[in-house]
N, C-alpha and C. Protein backbone atom coordinates (compact mmCIF):
# COMPACT_ATOMS: atom_id res chain seq x y z
N MET A 1 142.93 112.94 52.29
CA MET A 1 144.26 113.18 51.70
C MET A 1 145.21 112.07 52.13
N PRO A 2 146.21 111.77 51.31
CA PRO A 2 147.15 110.69 51.67
C PRO A 2 147.98 111.06 52.89
N ILE A 3 148.32 110.04 53.68
CA ILE A 3 149.13 110.25 54.88
C ILE A 3 150.60 110.21 54.49
N PRO A 4 151.37 111.24 54.83
CA PRO A 4 152.80 111.24 54.50
C PRO A 4 153.52 110.06 55.13
N ALA A 5 154.50 109.54 54.44
CA ALA A 5 155.22 108.35 54.89
C ALA A 5 155.91 108.58 56.23
N TRP A 6 156.40 109.80 56.47
CA TRP A 6 157.15 110.05 57.71
C TRP A 6 156.26 109.95 58.94
N ILE A 7 154.94 110.23 58.78
CA ILE A 7 154.03 110.13 59.91
C ILE A 7 153.87 108.67 60.34
N LYS A 8 153.76 107.77 59.35
CA LYS A 8 153.62 106.35 59.67
C LYS A 8 154.79 105.85 60.51
N ASN A 9 155.98 106.32 60.18
CA ASN A 9 157.17 105.88 60.92
C ASN A 9 157.24 106.46 62.32
N ALA A 10 156.54 107.57 62.54
CA ALA A 10 156.61 108.24 63.84
C ALA A 10 155.44 107.92 64.75
N MET A 11 154.44 107.18 64.25
CA MET A 11 153.22 106.96 65.03
C MET A 11 153.48 106.20 66.32
N GLU A 12 154.31 105.16 66.28
CA GLU A 12 154.58 104.38 67.49
C GLU A 12 155.24 105.24 68.56
N GLU A 13 156.19 106.06 68.16
CA GLU A 13 156.85 106.95 69.12
C GLU A 13 155.88 107.98 69.67
N PHE A 14 155.01 108.52 68.79
CA PHE A 14 154.04 109.51 69.25
C PHE A 14 153.06 108.90 70.24
N GLU A 15 152.61 107.67 69.98
CA GLU A 15 151.64 107.05 70.88
C GLU A 15 152.24 106.81 72.25
N ARG A 16 153.50 106.37 72.30
CA ARG A 16 154.16 106.16 73.59
C ARG A 16 154.31 107.49 74.33
N LEU A 17 154.61 108.55 73.61
CA LEU A 17 154.73 109.86 74.22
C LEU A 17 153.39 110.30 74.80
N PHE A 18 152.30 110.08 74.05
CA PHE A 18 150.98 110.50 74.50
C PHE A 18 150.52 109.66 75.70
N VAL A 19 150.85 108.36 75.69
CA VAL A 19 150.50 107.51 76.83
C VAL A 19 151.23 107.97 78.08
N ASN A 20 152.52 108.26 77.97
CA ASN A 20 153.28 108.72 79.13
C ASN A 20 152.76 110.07 79.64
N TYR A 21 152.38 110.94 78.73
CA TYR A 21 151.79 112.22 79.10
C TYR A 21 150.48 112.01 79.87
N THR A 22 149.65 111.08 79.38
CA THR A 22 148.36 110.79 80.02
C THR A 22 148.56 110.16 81.40
N LEU A 23 149.52 109.26 81.52
CA LEU A 23 149.81 108.65 82.82
C LEU A 23 150.14 109.72 83.86
N THR A 24 150.88 110.71 83.45
CA THR A 24 151.24 111.79 84.37
C THR A 24 150.06 112.71 84.64
N LEU A 25 149.36 113.11 83.59
CA LEU A 25 148.27 114.07 83.71
C LEU A 25 147.14 113.54 84.58
N TYR A 26 146.87 112.22 84.52
CA TYR A 26 145.74 111.66 85.25
C TYR A 26 146.14 111.03 86.59
N GLY A 27 147.36 111.29 87.03
CA GLY A 27 147.73 110.94 88.39
C GLY A 27 148.17 109.51 88.61
N PHE A 28 148.51 108.76 87.54
CA PHE A 28 148.97 107.40 87.76
C PHE A 28 150.42 107.36 88.26
N LEU A 29 151.17 108.39 87.95
CA LEU A 29 152.57 108.45 88.38
C LEU A 29 152.66 109.36 89.60
N PRO A 30 153.08 108.83 90.74
CA PRO A 30 153.13 109.64 91.97
C PRO A 30 154.26 110.67 91.94
N PHE A 31 153.97 111.87 92.36
CA PHE A 31 154.99 112.89 92.52
C PHE A 31 154.47 113.95 93.46
N LYS A 32 155.36 114.75 94.02
CA LYS A 32 154.99 115.75 95.00
C LYS A 32 155.39 117.14 94.50
N THR A 33 154.73 118.15 95.07
CA THR A 33 155.10 119.53 94.80
C THR A 33 155.25 120.23 96.15
N PRO A 34 155.89 121.39 96.19
CA PRO A 34 156.04 122.10 97.47
C PRO A 34 154.71 122.48 98.10
N GLN A 35 153.67 122.72 97.28
CA GLN A 35 152.39 123.18 97.81
C GLN A 35 151.47 122.02 98.21
N ILE A 36 151.53 120.88 97.49
CA ILE A 36 150.60 119.77 97.71
C ILE A 36 151.39 118.49 97.92
N ASN A 37 151.17 117.83 99.06
CA ASN A 37 151.92 116.62 99.37
C ASN A 37 151.55 115.46 98.46
N ASN A 38 150.27 115.32 98.13
CA ASN A 38 149.84 114.21 97.30
C ASN A 38 149.11 114.74 96.07
N LEU A 39 149.88 115.22 95.13
CA LEU A 39 149.29 115.77 93.91
C LEU A 39 148.59 114.68 93.10
N GLN A 40 149.06 113.44 93.24
CA GLN A 40 148.44 112.33 92.52
C GLN A 40 146.96 112.21 92.87
N THR A 41 146.64 112.26 94.17
CA THR A 41 145.24 112.17 94.59
C THR A 41 144.45 113.39 94.14
N GLU A 42 145.05 114.56 94.20
CA GLU A 42 144.35 115.78 93.79
C GLU A 42 144.02 115.75 92.30
N LEU A 43 144.93 115.22 91.49
CA LEU A 43 144.66 115.11 90.06
C LEU A 43 143.51 114.15 89.80
N THR A 44 143.47 113.05 90.56
CA THR A 44 142.40 112.07 90.38
C THR A 44 141.06 112.64 90.81
N LYS A 45 141.05 113.49 91.83
CA LYS A 45 139.80 114.14 92.24
C LYS A 45 139.24 114.98 91.09
N VAL A 46 140.11 115.69 90.41
CA VAL A 46 139.66 116.56 89.31
C VAL A 46 139.16 115.73 88.13
N SER A 47 139.90 114.68 87.78
CA SER A 47 139.57 113.92 86.57
C SER A 47 138.45 112.90 86.81
N SER A 48 138.37 112.34 88.04
CA SER A 48 137.50 111.20 88.26
C SER A 48 136.47 111.39 89.35
N GLY A 49 136.62 112.40 90.19
CA GLY A 49 135.79 112.52 91.38
C GLY A 49 134.30 112.58 91.10
N ALA A 50 133.90 113.42 90.16
CA ALA A 50 132.47 113.58 89.88
C ALA A 50 131.87 112.30 89.32
N LEU A 51 132.61 111.62 88.42
CA LEU A 51 132.10 110.38 87.82
C LEU A 51 132.00 109.26 88.86
N MET A 52 133.02 109.12 89.71
CA MET A 52 132.99 108.08 90.74
C MET A 52 131.84 108.31 91.71
N ALA A 53 131.62 109.57 92.10
CA ALA A 53 130.52 109.88 93.02
C ALA A 53 129.18 109.57 92.37
N GLU A 54 129.04 109.88 91.09
CA GLU A 54 127.78 109.64 90.38
C GLU A 54 127.48 108.14 90.30
N ILE A 55 128.49 107.35 89.99
CA ILE A 55 128.30 105.90 89.88
C ILE A 55 127.93 105.30 91.23
N TYR A 56 128.67 105.70 92.28
CA TYR A 56 128.36 105.17 93.62
C TYR A 56 126.96 105.58 94.05
N ASP A 57 126.61 106.86 93.89
CA ASP A 57 125.30 107.34 94.33
C ASP A 57 124.17 106.61 93.61
N ARG A 58 124.36 106.34 92.35
CA ARG A 58 123.32 105.65 91.57
C ARG A 58 123.15 104.21 92.05
N LEU A 59 124.25 103.50 92.27
CA LEU A 59 124.16 102.11 92.72
C LEU A 59 123.68 102.04 94.17
N SER A 60 124.08 103.00 94.99
CA SER A 60 123.62 103.04 96.37
C SER A 60 122.11 103.24 96.43
N LEU A 61 121.59 104.10 95.58
CA LEU A 61 120.14 104.31 95.52
C LEU A 61 119.44 103.04 95.04
N LYS A 62 120.06 102.34 94.10
CA LYS A 62 119.50 101.08 93.61
C LYS A 62 119.35 100.09 94.76
N ILE A 63 120.37 99.99 95.59
CA ILE A 63 120.32 99.08 96.74
C ILE A 63 119.24 99.52 97.72
N LYS A 64 119.22 100.81 98.01
CA LYS A 64 118.25 101.33 98.96
C LYS A 64 116.82 101.06 98.50
N CYS A 65 116.54 101.33 97.24
CA CYS A 65 115.18 101.20 96.73
C CYS A 65 114.74 99.75 96.60
N GLN A 66 115.67 98.82 96.50
CA GLN A 66 115.31 97.42 96.33
C GLN A 66 115.20 96.65 97.64
N ASN A 67 115.52 97.31 98.74
CA ASN A 67 115.53 96.61 100.01
C ASN A 67 114.46 97.13 100.96
N SER A 68 114.21 96.38 102.00
CA SER A 68 113.11 96.67 102.91
C SER A 68 113.43 97.78 103.90
N ILE A 69 114.59 98.42 103.75
CA ILE A 69 114.93 99.49 104.68
C ILE A 69 114.16 100.77 104.37
N ILE A 70 113.44 100.79 103.25
CA ILE A 70 112.61 101.94 102.93
C ILE A 70 111.14 101.56 103.11
N THR A 71 110.33 102.55 103.33
CA THR A 71 108.90 102.30 103.52
C THR A 71 108.21 102.13 102.18
N ALA A 72 106.99 101.64 102.22
CA ALA A 72 106.22 101.45 100.98
C ALA A 72 106.02 102.78 100.26
N ALA A 73 105.84 103.86 101.03
CA ALA A 73 105.66 105.18 100.42
C ALA A 73 106.90 105.62 99.67
N GLU A 74 108.08 105.37 100.28
CA GLU A 74 109.33 105.72 99.62
C GLU A 74 109.52 104.90 98.35
N PHE A 75 109.11 103.64 98.41
CA PHE A 75 109.28 102.75 97.27
C PHE A 75 108.51 103.26 96.06
N ARG A 76 107.42 103.96 96.30
CA ARG A 76 106.58 104.42 95.21
C ARG A 76 107.00 105.79 94.68
N THR A 77 108.04 106.36 95.26
CA THR A 77 108.48 107.66 94.77
C THR A 77 109.01 107.54 93.36
N LYS A 78 109.02 108.65 92.63
CA LYS A 78 109.49 108.65 91.25
C LYS A 78 110.94 108.20 91.18
N GLU A 79 111.74 108.63 92.17
CA GLU A 79 113.17 108.31 92.19
C GLU A 79 113.39 106.80 92.22
N CYS A 80 112.67 106.12 93.13
CA CYS A 80 112.83 104.67 93.24
C CYS A 80 112.18 103.94 92.07
N ALA A 81 111.06 104.44 91.60
CA ALA A 81 110.38 103.79 90.49
C ALA A 81 111.26 103.76 89.25
N GLU A 82 111.97 104.84 89.01
CA GLU A 82 112.82 104.92 87.83
C GLU A 82 114.02 103.98 87.94
N ILE A 83 114.68 103.98 89.08
CA ILE A 83 115.90 103.20 89.18
C ILE A 83 115.62 101.71 89.36
N ASN A 84 114.47 101.36 89.93
CA ASN A 84 114.13 99.94 90.06
C ASN A 84 113.85 99.30 88.71
N SER A 85 113.45 100.11 87.75
CA SER A 85 113.18 99.56 86.41
C SER A 85 114.44 99.48 85.55
N GLN A 86 115.55 100.03 86.05
CA GLN A 86 116.79 100.03 85.28
C GLN A 86 117.58 98.74 85.49
N LYS A 87 117.91 98.09 84.39
CA LYS A 87 118.81 96.94 84.43
C LYS A 87 120.20 97.31 83.90
N LEU A 88 120.24 98.39 83.14
CA LEU A 88 121.49 98.83 82.53
C LEU A 88 121.50 100.35 82.44
N TYR A 89 122.61 100.95 82.83
CA TYR A 89 122.78 102.40 82.71
C TYR A 89 124.13 102.63 82.06
N THR A 90 124.17 103.40 80.98
CA THR A 90 125.40 103.56 80.22
C THR A 90 125.87 105.00 80.18
N TYR A 91 127.17 105.17 80.04
CA TYR A 91 127.79 106.48 79.84
C TYR A 91 128.55 106.41 78.52
N SER A 92 128.28 107.35 77.63
CA SER A 92 129.01 107.43 76.37
C SER A 92 130.19 108.38 76.56
N THR A 93 131.39 107.88 76.33
CA THR A 93 132.58 108.65 76.70
C THR A 93 133.65 108.57 75.61
N HIS A 94 134.77 109.21 75.89
CA HIS A 94 135.97 109.11 75.05
C HIS A 94 137.03 108.32 75.81
N ASP A 95 138.15 108.09 75.14
CA ASP A 95 139.21 107.27 75.74
C ASP A 95 139.73 107.87 77.05
N LEU A 96 139.80 109.20 77.14
CA LEU A 96 140.32 109.82 78.35
C LEU A 96 139.37 109.65 79.53
N THR A 97 138.07 109.56 79.27
CA THR A 97 137.13 109.29 80.35
C THR A 97 137.30 107.88 80.88
N VAL A 98 137.57 106.95 79.98
CA VAL A 98 137.86 105.57 80.40
C VAL A 98 139.12 105.55 81.26
N VAL A 99 140.13 106.29 80.85
CA VAL A 99 141.37 106.41 81.63
C VAL A 99 141.07 106.97 83.02
N SER A 100 140.27 108.03 83.08
CA SER A 100 139.96 108.65 84.37
C SER A 100 139.17 107.69 85.27
N LEU A 101 138.31 106.85 84.68
CA LEU A 101 137.56 105.87 85.46
C LEU A 101 138.51 104.85 86.08
N PHE A 102 139.49 104.40 85.31
CA PHE A 102 140.47 103.46 85.85
C PHE A 102 141.22 104.09 87.03
N ALA A 103 141.56 105.36 86.90
CA ALA A 103 142.24 106.06 88.00
C ALA A 103 141.32 106.14 89.21
N GLY A 104 140.06 106.47 88.98
CA GLY A 104 139.11 106.60 90.08
C GLY A 104 138.88 105.29 90.81
N LEU A 105 138.89 104.18 90.07
CA LEU A 105 138.67 102.87 90.67
C LEU A 105 139.89 102.37 91.44
N GLY A 106 141.02 103.04 91.28
CA GLY A 106 142.20 102.68 92.06
C GLY A 106 143.23 101.85 91.33
N PHE A 107 143.11 101.73 90.01
CA PHE A 107 144.11 100.99 89.27
C PHE A 107 145.40 101.80 89.17
N LYS A 108 146.52 101.11 89.16
CA LYS A 108 147.82 101.78 89.10
C LYS A 108 148.19 102.15 87.67
N SER A 109 147.44 101.65 86.71
CA SER A 109 147.71 101.92 85.30
C SER A 109 146.46 101.63 84.50
N PHE A 110 146.43 102.11 83.27
CA PHE A 110 145.36 101.73 82.35
C PHE A 110 145.94 100.86 81.22
N LEU A 111 147.17 100.42 81.38
CA LEU A 111 147.85 99.60 80.38
C LEU A 111 147.76 98.14 80.81
N PHE A 112 146.77 97.42 80.29
CA PHE A 112 146.54 96.05 80.73
C PHE A 112 147.11 95.03 79.76
N GLU A 113 147.22 95.35 78.48
CA GLU A 113 147.79 94.42 77.52
C GLU A 113 148.78 95.11 76.58
N LYS A 114 148.34 96.23 76.01
CA LYS A 114 149.14 96.94 75.02
C LYS A 114 149.46 98.33 75.53
N TYR A 115 150.65 98.81 75.16
CA TYR A 115 151.07 100.15 75.58
C TYR A 115 150.42 101.18 74.67
N SER A 116 149.13 101.43 74.94
CA SER A 116 148.39 102.36 74.10
C SER A 116 147.18 102.88 74.86
N MET A 117 146.56 103.90 74.31
CA MET A 117 145.33 104.43 74.88
C MET A 117 144.19 103.43 74.64
N PRO A 118 143.10 103.51 75.43
CA PRO A 118 141.95 102.65 75.17
C PRO A 118 141.48 102.79 73.72
N ALA A 119 141.20 101.65 73.09
CA ALA A 119 140.86 101.64 71.68
C ALA A 119 139.42 102.10 71.44
N PHE A 120 139.13 102.40 70.19
CA PHE A 120 137.77 102.79 69.80
C PHE A 120 136.81 101.64 70.13
N GLY A 121 135.72 101.95 70.79
CA GLY A 121 134.74 100.93 71.13
C GLY A 121 135.05 100.17 72.41
N SER A 122 136.11 100.52 73.12
CA SER A 122 136.41 99.84 74.39
C SER A 122 135.35 100.19 75.43
N THR A 123 135.10 99.26 76.34
CA THR A 123 134.01 99.41 77.29
C THR A 123 134.40 98.89 78.66
N VAL A 124 134.03 99.62 79.70
CA VAL A 124 134.18 99.16 81.08
C VAL A 124 132.79 98.89 81.62
N THR A 125 132.58 97.71 82.20
CA THR A 125 131.29 97.40 82.81
C THR A 125 131.48 97.19 84.31
N ILE A 126 130.60 97.78 85.09
CA ILE A 126 130.57 97.60 86.54
C ILE A 126 129.24 96.95 86.88
N GLU A 127 129.29 95.70 87.31
CA GLU A 127 128.07 94.94 87.61
C GLU A 127 127.83 94.91 89.11
N LEU A 128 126.60 95.15 89.52
CA LEU A 128 126.21 95.10 90.92
C LEU A 128 125.65 93.72 91.24
N TRP A 129 126.25 93.05 92.22
CA TRP A 129 125.84 91.71 92.62
C TRP A 129 125.53 91.69 94.12
N LYS A 130 124.66 90.76 94.49
CA LYS A 130 124.29 90.59 95.89
C LYS A 130 124.70 89.20 96.35
N HIS A 131 125.27 89.15 97.58
CA HIS A 131 125.61 87.85 98.15
C HIS A 131 124.33 87.05 98.38
N SER A 132 124.29 85.84 97.90
CA SER A 132 123.06 85.05 97.93
C SER A 132 122.65 84.64 99.34
N GLU A 133 123.60 84.56 100.27
CA GLU A 133 123.29 84.04 101.60
C GLU A 133 122.85 85.13 102.58
N THR A 134 122.72 86.37 102.12
CA THR A 134 122.38 87.47 103.03
C THR A 134 120.90 87.74 103.07
N ASN A 135 120.48 88.41 104.14
CA ASN A 135 119.08 88.80 104.31
C ASN A 135 119.05 90.25 104.77
N ASP A 136 118.39 91.10 104.01
CA ASP A 136 118.40 92.53 104.29
C ASP A 136 117.31 92.99 105.25
N LYS A 137 116.45 92.11 105.68
CA LYS A 137 115.33 92.55 106.52
C LYS A 137 115.84 93.18 107.80
N ASN A 138 115.26 94.35 108.10
CA ASN A 138 115.58 95.11 109.32
C ASN A 138 117.03 95.60 109.36
N ASN A 139 117.75 95.55 108.23
CA ASN A 139 119.10 96.07 108.20
C ASN A 139 119.07 97.56 107.92
N ASN A 140 120.10 98.27 108.38
CA ASN A 140 120.20 99.68 108.02
C ASN A 140 120.92 99.81 106.68
N GLN A 141 121.06 101.06 106.20
CA GLN A 141 121.63 101.26 104.87
C GLN A 141 123.05 100.75 104.77
N LEU A 142 123.89 100.98 105.79
CA LEU A 142 125.27 100.55 105.75
C LEU A 142 125.36 99.04 105.65
N LEU A 143 124.62 98.33 106.51
CA LEU A 143 124.67 96.87 106.48
C LEU A 143 124.15 96.34 105.16
N SER A 144 123.14 96.99 104.61
CA SER A 144 122.61 96.56 103.33
C SER A 144 123.66 96.65 102.24
N GLU A 145 124.40 97.74 102.22
CA GLU A 145 125.44 97.90 101.20
C GLU A 145 126.55 96.87 101.36
N GLN A 146 126.79 96.45 102.58
CA GLN A 146 127.82 95.44 102.82
C GLN A 146 127.42 94.07 102.25
N ASN A 147 126.16 93.89 101.92
CA ASN A 147 125.70 92.63 101.35
C ASN A 147 125.92 92.56 99.84
N TYR A 148 126.51 93.60 99.27
CA TYR A 148 126.67 93.66 97.82
C TYR A 148 128.15 93.74 97.44
N TYR A 149 128.42 93.40 96.20
CA TYR A 149 129.77 93.53 95.65
C TYR A 149 129.65 93.87 94.17
N ILE A 150 130.75 94.30 93.57
CA ILE A 150 130.75 94.68 92.16
C ILE A 150 131.77 93.85 91.40
N LYS A 151 131.47 93.61 90.14
CA LYS A 151 132.42 92.99 89.21
C LYS A 151 132.79 94.04 88.18
N ILE A 152 134.07 94.04 87.80
CA ILE A 152 134.57 95.03 86.85
C ILE A 152 135.18 94.30 85.65
N TYR A 153 134.65 94.56 84.47
CA TYR A 153 135.15 93.93 83.26
C TYR A 153 135.55 95.01 82.25
N TYR A 154 136.54 94.66 81.43
CA TYR A 154 137.04 95.59 80.42
C TYR A 154 137.05 94.91 79.06
N TYR A 155 136.25 95.45 78.15
CA TYR A 155 136.26 95.02 76.76
C TYR A 155 137.23 95.93 76.02
N LYS A 156 138.37 95.41 75.59
CA LYS A 156 139.43 96.27 75.07
C LYS A 156 139.12 96.88 73.70
N ASN A 157 138.12 96.35 72.99
CA ASN A 157 137.67 96.95 71.75
C ASN A 157 136.23 96.54 71.49
N PHE A 158 135.65 96.98 70.39
CA PHE A 158 134.22 96.77 70.18
C PHE A 158 133.88 95.36 69.70
N TYR A 159 134.88 94.55 69.30
CA TYR A 159 134.56 93.23 68.79
C TYR A 159 135.02 92.09 69.71
N VAL A 160 135.63 92.42 70.82
CA VAL A 160 136.11 91.36 71.72
C VAL A 160 134.92 90.66 72.37
N LYS A 161 135.00 89.36 72.55
CA LYS A 161 133.92 88.59 73.14
C LYS A 161 134.19 88.22 74.60
N ASN A 162 135.44 88.10 74.97
CA ASN A 162 135.81 87.72 76.33
C ASN A 162 136.52 88.89 77.02
N PRO A 163 135.82 89.60 77.89
CA PRO A 163 136.44 90.76 78.55
C PRO A 163 137.46 90.34 79.60
N ILE A 164 138.28 91.30 80.00
CA ILE A 164 139.27 91.08 81.06
C ILE A 164 138.60 91.34 82.41
N ASN A 165 138.78 90.42 83.34
CA ASN A 165 138.28 90.61 84.70
C ASN A 165 139.29 91.47 85.45
N LEU A 166 138.93 92.73 85.70
CA LEU A 166 139.87 93.67 86.31
C LEU A 166 139.87 93.66 87.83
N ALA A 167 138.82 93.14 88.44
CA ALA A 167 138.71 93.21 89.90
C ALA A 167 139.89 92.52 90.57
N GLU A 168 140.36 91.42 90.01
CA GLU A 168 141.45 90.69 90.63
C GLU A 168 142.76 91.47 90.61
N MET A 169 142.82 92.55 89.83
CA MET A 169 144.01 93.39 89.80
C MET A 169 144.02 94.42 90.92
N LEU A 170 142.96 94.45 91.72
CA LEU A 170 142.87 95.38 92.84
C LEU A 170 143.08 94.67 94.17
N LYS A 171 143.82 93.60 94.16
CA LYS A 171 144.11 92.88 95.40
C LYS A 171 144.95 93.77 96.31
N PRO A 172 144.85 93.62 97.64
CA PRO A 172 144.10 92.59 98.37
C PRO A 172 142.65 92.94 98.68
N GLU A 173 142.23 94.17 98.36
CA GLU A 173 140.86 94.57 98.72
C GLU A 173 139.81 93.87 97.87
N CYS A 174 140.19 93.46 96.68
CA CYS A 174 139.28 92.76 95.79
C CYS A 174 139.85 91.38 95.46
N THR A 175 139.00 90.52 94.95
CA THR A 175 139.41 89.18 94.56
C THR A 175 138.95 88.92 93.13
N GLU A 176 139.20 87.72 92.64
CA GLU A 176 138.75 87.35 91.31
C GLU A 176 137.22 87.42 91.21
N LYS A 177 136.54 87.18 92.33
CA LYS A 177 135.08 87.22 92.33
C LYS A 177 134.56 88.65 92.16
N GLY A 178 135.27 89.62 92.73
CA GLY A 178 134.83 91.01 92.61
C GLY A 178 135.35 91.85 93.76
N CYS A 179 134.80 93.07 93.87
CA CYS A 179 135.17 94.01 94.92
C CYS A 179 133.98 94.26 95.84
N PRO A 180 134.21 94.33 97.15
CA PRO A 180 133.10 94.71 98.05
C PRO A 180 132.52 96.05 97.63
N PHE A 181 131.22 96.20 97.74
CA PHE A 181 130.59 97.47 97.38
C PHE A 181 131.16 98.61 98.23
N MET A 182 131.60 98.29 99.44
CA MET A 182 132.17 99.31 100.30
C MET A 182 133.50 99.83 99.75
N TYR A 183 134.17 99.04 98.90
CA TYR A 183 135.38 99.53 98.24
C TYR A 183 135.03 100.65 97.27
N LEU A 184 133.95 100.46 96.52
CA LEU A 184 133.49 101.52 95.62
C LEU A 184 133.12 102.77 96.40
N LYS A 185 132.46 102.57 97.55
CA LYS A 185 132.10 103.71 98.39
C LYS A 185 133.34 104.43 98.89
N LYS A 186 134.34 103.70 99.30
CA LYS A 186 135.57 104.30 99.81
C LYS A 186 136.24 105.15 98.74
N ARG A 187 136.31 104.63 97.52
CA ARG A 187 136.92 105.38 96.43
C ARG A 187 136.11 106.63 96.09
N ALA A 188 134.80 106.50 96.08
CA ALA A 188 133.93 107.63 95.75
C ALA A 188 134.06 108.74 96.78
N GLU A 189 134.08 108.38 98.06
CA GLU A 189 134.16 109.39 99.10
C GLU A 189 135.55 110.03 99.16
N LEU A 190 136.58 109.27 98.79
CA LEU A 190 137.92 109.83 98.75
C LEU A 190 138.04 110.90 97.68
N LEU A 191 137.36 110.69 96.54
CA LEU A 191 137.53 111.56 95.38
C LEU A 191 136.38 112.53 95.16
N ARG A 192 135.30 112.40 95.92
CA ARG A 192 134.13 113.25 95.71
C ARG A 192 134.52 114.72 95.84
N PRO A 193 134.15 115.57 94.86
CA PRO A 193 134.47 117.00 94.96
C PRO A 193 133.83 117.62 96.20
N GLN A 194 134.63 118.35 96.97
CA GLN A 194 134.15 118.98 98.19
C GLN A 194 134.36 120.49 98.13
N PRO A 195 133.39 121.29 98.55
CA PRO A 195 132.05 120.89 99.00
C PRO A 195 131.17 120.41 97.86
N ASP A 196 131.51 120.83 96.63
CA ASP A 196 130.88 120.35 95.42
C ASP A 196 131.85 120.66 94.29
N TRP A 197 131.45 120.33 93.05
CA TRP A 197 132.38 120.51 91.92
C TRP A 197 132.78 121.97 91.75
N LYS A 198 131.82 122.88 91.79
CA LYS A 198 132.11 124.30 91.61
C LYS A 198 132.97 124.82 92.74
N GLY A 199 132.65 124.40 93.97
CA GLY A 199 133.42 124.87 95.11
C GLY A 199 134.85 124.37 95.09
N MET A 200 135.05 123.13 94.67
CA MET A 200 136.40 122.58 94.62
C MET A 200 137.25 123.31 93.58
N CYS A 201 136.66 123.58 92.42
CA CYS A 201 137.42 124.22 91.35
C CYS A 201 137.71 125.69 91.63
N SER A 202 136.93 126.30 92.52
CA SER A 202 137.17 127.70 92.84
C SER A 202 138.18 127.87 93.96
N ASP A 203 138.57 126.76 94.58
CA ASP A 203 139.54 126.82 95.67
C ASP A 203 140.93 127.00 95.08
N ARG A 204 141.62 128.00 95.50
CA ARG A 204 142.94 128.30 94.94
C ARG A 204 144.02 128.11 96.00
N VAL A 205 145.14 127.52 95.56
CA VAL A 205 146.30 127.40 96.43
C VAL A 205 147.00 128.74 96.49
N PRO A 206 147.30 129.25 97.70
CA PRO A 206 147.99 130.54 97.79
C PRO A 206 149.28 130.53 96.99
N PRO A 207 149.53 131.55 96.21
CA PRO A 207 150.74 131.57 95.39
C PRO A 207 152.00 131.61 96.24
N THR A 208 153.05 130.99 95.74
CA THR A 208 154.34 130.99 96.42
C THR A 208 154.98 132.38 96.26
N PRO A 209 155.40 133.00 97.38
CA PRO A 209 156.03 134.33 97.28
C PRO A 209 157.22 134.32 96.34
N THR A 210 157.29 135.33 95.49
CA THR A 210 158.40 135.44 94.54
C THR A 210 159.54 136.18 95.20
N PRO A 211 160.76 135.59 95.18
CA PRO A 211 161.90 136.28 95.76
C PRO A 211 162.14 137.62 95.08
N THR A 212 162.49 138.61 95.85
CA THR A 212 162.77 139.94 95.28
C THR A 212 164.25 140.24 95.42
N THR A 213 164.74 141.02 94.51
CA THR A 213 166.15 141.42 94.52
C THR A 213 166.24 142.94 94.60
N THR A 214 167.04 143.41 95.56
CA THR A 214 167.23 144.86 95.73
C THR A 214 168.52 145.28 95.04
N ILE A 215 168.42 146.25 94.19
CA ILE A 215 169.59 146.76 93.50
C ILE A 215 169.90 148.16 94.01
N ARG A 216 171.07 148.34 94.55
CA ARG A 216 171.48 149.66 95.05
C ARG A 216 172.31 150.35 93.98
N VAL A 217 171.99 151.60 93.76
CA VAL A 217 172.74 152.37 92.75
C VAL A 217 173.66 153.36 93.47
């Protein structure tokens, strides 16, 4: 059906309203409540915690399975066999999931060029890289993870050829080259649902007592 003319004139205003609503809903705008000192972090845990934990756990397993800190028997397990053969792992999402990922990664906004929601076909890529001068032999898991870093790129639509390098926007912890893998771990552990997703969502804040009024007759 044809689009009414008045809608076309209101679209820009509506999009700005929706962007501002999303900025607030996903915790990009800091504010406090009487019950929770840092509601911004709590909102990010709900929107991004499970996804950030899943991404970190998957890449951490990739590092573990590719290094000598595991035994030959462990290397042959189904878990390691599957992830060692993976060069690419994708998540099919909507624009709000992309927004939540930006929040989880620690960006202060998801508005990098245009004041709008992520476009159709936009893509975030997180690449796992290893420092070439390191040697993992006889290292423990923590030291092994410290030998890696990630690069973060954003393709703003499905036809763009040159993505935006987002890691440099997370300074000082990240640089133009990328972010330490331990930065990803820090974000994941900060937002990971505790004790788990179901347990976190079942936790209720005690209601604020309602003032009562006594009327004498």
